[in-house]
């Protein structure tokens, strides 16, 4: 499971990526993220992010009829959201390259350095 503090900074960009595929609603977003290995993300985490994306003009929402209950609020990426997604991807790639380089330069023994009594 990915620690929530580590996930916190990237979740908004990941939601933008999910929305870039097709308009979708909150619960479906959590299911897709779970399918990609993010684990169970609480609705109390997803919905405030969706509202912020909508408020900032990165996503737009509309209610659609549901076959199994009340209408659902679907979110879709806006043009501004697509630009933000590209910015996120560039920043994320830069970050992962820096982390990969750091870990490679430390010989990959970062686990042992954090826990000197670990078995090799």
Protein backbone atom coordinates (compact mmCIF):
# COMPACT_ATOMS: atom_id res chain seq x y z
CA UNK A 1 0.00 0.00 0.00
CA UNK A 2 1.25 3.47 -0.90
CA UNK A 3 1.57 5.74 2.18
CA UNK A 4 -0.96 8.57 2.05
CA UNK A 5 1.67 11.30 2.52
CA UNK A 6 3.58 10.03 -0.52
CA UNK A 7 0.39 9.76 -2.54
CA UNK A 8 -0.94 13.16 -1.53
CA UNK A 9 1.19 15.20 -3.91
CA UNK A 10 0.48 13.07 -6.96
CA UNK A 11 -3.16 12.13 -6.54
CA UNK A 12 -4.55 15.24 -8.20
CA UNK A 13 -2.45 14.58 -11.32
CA UNK A 14 -3.51 10.94 -11.31
CA UNK A 15 -7.17 11.97 -11.17
CA UNK A 16 -6.57 14.26 -14.15
CA UNK A 17 -5.07 11.27 -15.98
CA UNK A 18 -8.13 9.13 -15.23
CA UNK A 19 -10.44 11.92 -16.41
CA UNK A 20 -8.42 12.30 -19.61
CA UNK A 21 -9.66 8.88 -20.71
CA UNK A 22 -13.40 9.57 -20.32
CA UNK A 23 -15.83 11.47 -18.12
CA UNK A 24 -16.42 9.55 -14.92
CA UNK A 25 -17.82 9.85 -11.41
CA UNK A 26 -16.08 9.77 -8.04
CA UNK A 27 -16.60 6.16 -7.02
CA UNK A 28 -15.51 4.93 -10.44
CA UNK A 29 -12.34 7.03 -10.14
CA UNK A 30 -11.49 5.34 -6.82
CA UNK A 31 -12.09 1.94 -8.42
CA UNK A 32 -9.83 2.73 -11.38
CA UNK A 33 -7.07 3.99 -9.09
CA UNK A 34 -7.41 0.84 -7.00
CA UNK A 35 -7.13 -1.29 -10.15
CA UNK A 36 -3.85 0.49 -10.95
CA UNK A 37 -2.44 -0.41 -7.53
CA UNK A 38 -3.20 2.72 -5.51
CA UNK A 39 -5.14 0.75 -2.91
CA UNK A 40 -8.41 1.95 -1.45
CA UNK A 41 -8.54 5.73 -1.43
CA UNK A 42 -11.21 7.17 0.82
CA UNK A 43 -14.08 9.09 -0.74
CA UNK A 44 -13.22 11.84 1.75
CA UNK A 45 -9.98 12.22 -0.17
CA UNK A 46 -11.30 11.98 -3.74
CA UNK A 47 -14.32 14.28 -3.56
CA UNK A 48 -12.53 17.36 -2.18
CA UNK A 49 -9.93 16.96 -4.94
CA UNK A 50 -12.67 16.72 -7.57
CA UNK A 51 -14.33 19.84 -6.21
CA UNK A 52 -10.98 21.68 -6.27
CA UNK A 53 -10.36 20.56 -9.86
CA UNK A 54 -13.81 21.86 -10.79
CA UNK A 55 -13.33 25.14 -8.90
CA UNK A 56 -9.97 25.72 -10.62
CA UNK A 57 -11.46 25.07 -14.06
CA UNK A 58 -9.49 21.87 -14.63
CA UNK A 59 -12.61 19.70 -14.70
CA UNK A 60 -16.25 20.31 -15.38
CA UNK A 61 -19.12 18.38 -13.87
CA UNK A 62 -22.58 17.38 -15.00
CA UNK A 63 -25.24 15.18 -13.50
CA UNK A 64 -26.25 12.14 -15.51
CA UNK A 65 -28.96 9.58 -14.97
CA UNK A 66 -27.89 6.30 -13.41
CA UNK A 67 -29.41 2.90 -14.12
CA UNK A 68 -29.11 1.97 -10.43
CA UNK A 69 -30.20 4.91 -8.32
CA UNK A 70 -29.98 8.68 -8.26
CA UNK A 71 -28.14 10.82 -10.80
CA UNK A 72 -24.35 10.73 -10.68
CA UNK A 73 -22.02 13.67 -10.95
CA UNK A 74 -19.64 13.00 -13.84
CA UNK A 75 -16.39 14.92 -14.16
CA UNK A 76 -14.67 15.63 -17.46
CA UNK A 77 -11.33 17.23 -18.21
CA UNK A 78 -11.37 20.78 -19.59
CA UNK A 79 -8.80 22.21 -21.98
CA UNK A 80 -7.16 23.88 -18.99
CA UNK A 81 -7.15 20.49 -17.25
CA UNK A 82 -5.38 18.89 -20.22
CA UNK A 83 -2.66 21.54 -20.02
CA UNK A 84 -2.34 20.94 -16.27
CA UNK A 85 -2.10 17.19 -16.87
CA UNK A 86 0.79 17.75 -19.29
CA UNK A 87 2.50 19.97 -16.70
CA UNK A 88 1.99 17.27 -14.05
CA UNK A 89 3.44 14.58 -16.32
CA UNK A 90 6.53 16.65 -17.07
CA UNK A 91 7.08 17.44 -13.38
CA UNK A 92 6.45 13.85 -12.32
CA UNK A 93 8.91 12.49 -14.88
CA UNK A 94 11.53 14.98 -13.68
CA UNK A 95 10.94 13.94 -10.07
CA UNK A 96 11.10 10.20 -10.78
CA UNK A 97 14.31 10.64 -12.78
CA UNK A 98 15.90 12.53 -9.89
CA UNK A 99 14.80 9.91 -7.34
CA UNK A 100 15.98 7.06 -9.60
CA UNK A 101 19.36 8.76 -10.03
CA UNK A 102 19.72 9.32 -6.29
CA UNK A 103 18.85 5.71 -5.48
CA UNK A 104 21.18 4.40 -8.18
CA UNK A 105 24.03 6.54 -6.79
CA UNK A 106 23.45 5.18 -3.28
CA UNK A 107 23.81 1.65 -4.59
CA UNK A 108 20.20 0.78 -3.89
CA UNK A 109 21.04 0.13 -0.23
CA UNK A 110 18.73 2.85 1.04
CA UNK A 111 16.65 0.23 2.92
CA UNK A 112 19.69 -0.99 4.81
CA UNK A 113 20.78 2.55 5.64
CA UNK A 114 17.40 3.28 7.20
CA UNK A 115 17.46 0.01 9.14
CA UNK A 116 21.07 -1.03 9.85
CA UNK A 117 19.96 -4.29 11.49
CA UNK A 118 18.17 -5.50 8.35
CA UNK A 119 19.28 -8.86 6.99
CA UNK A 120 21.04 -8.84 3.63
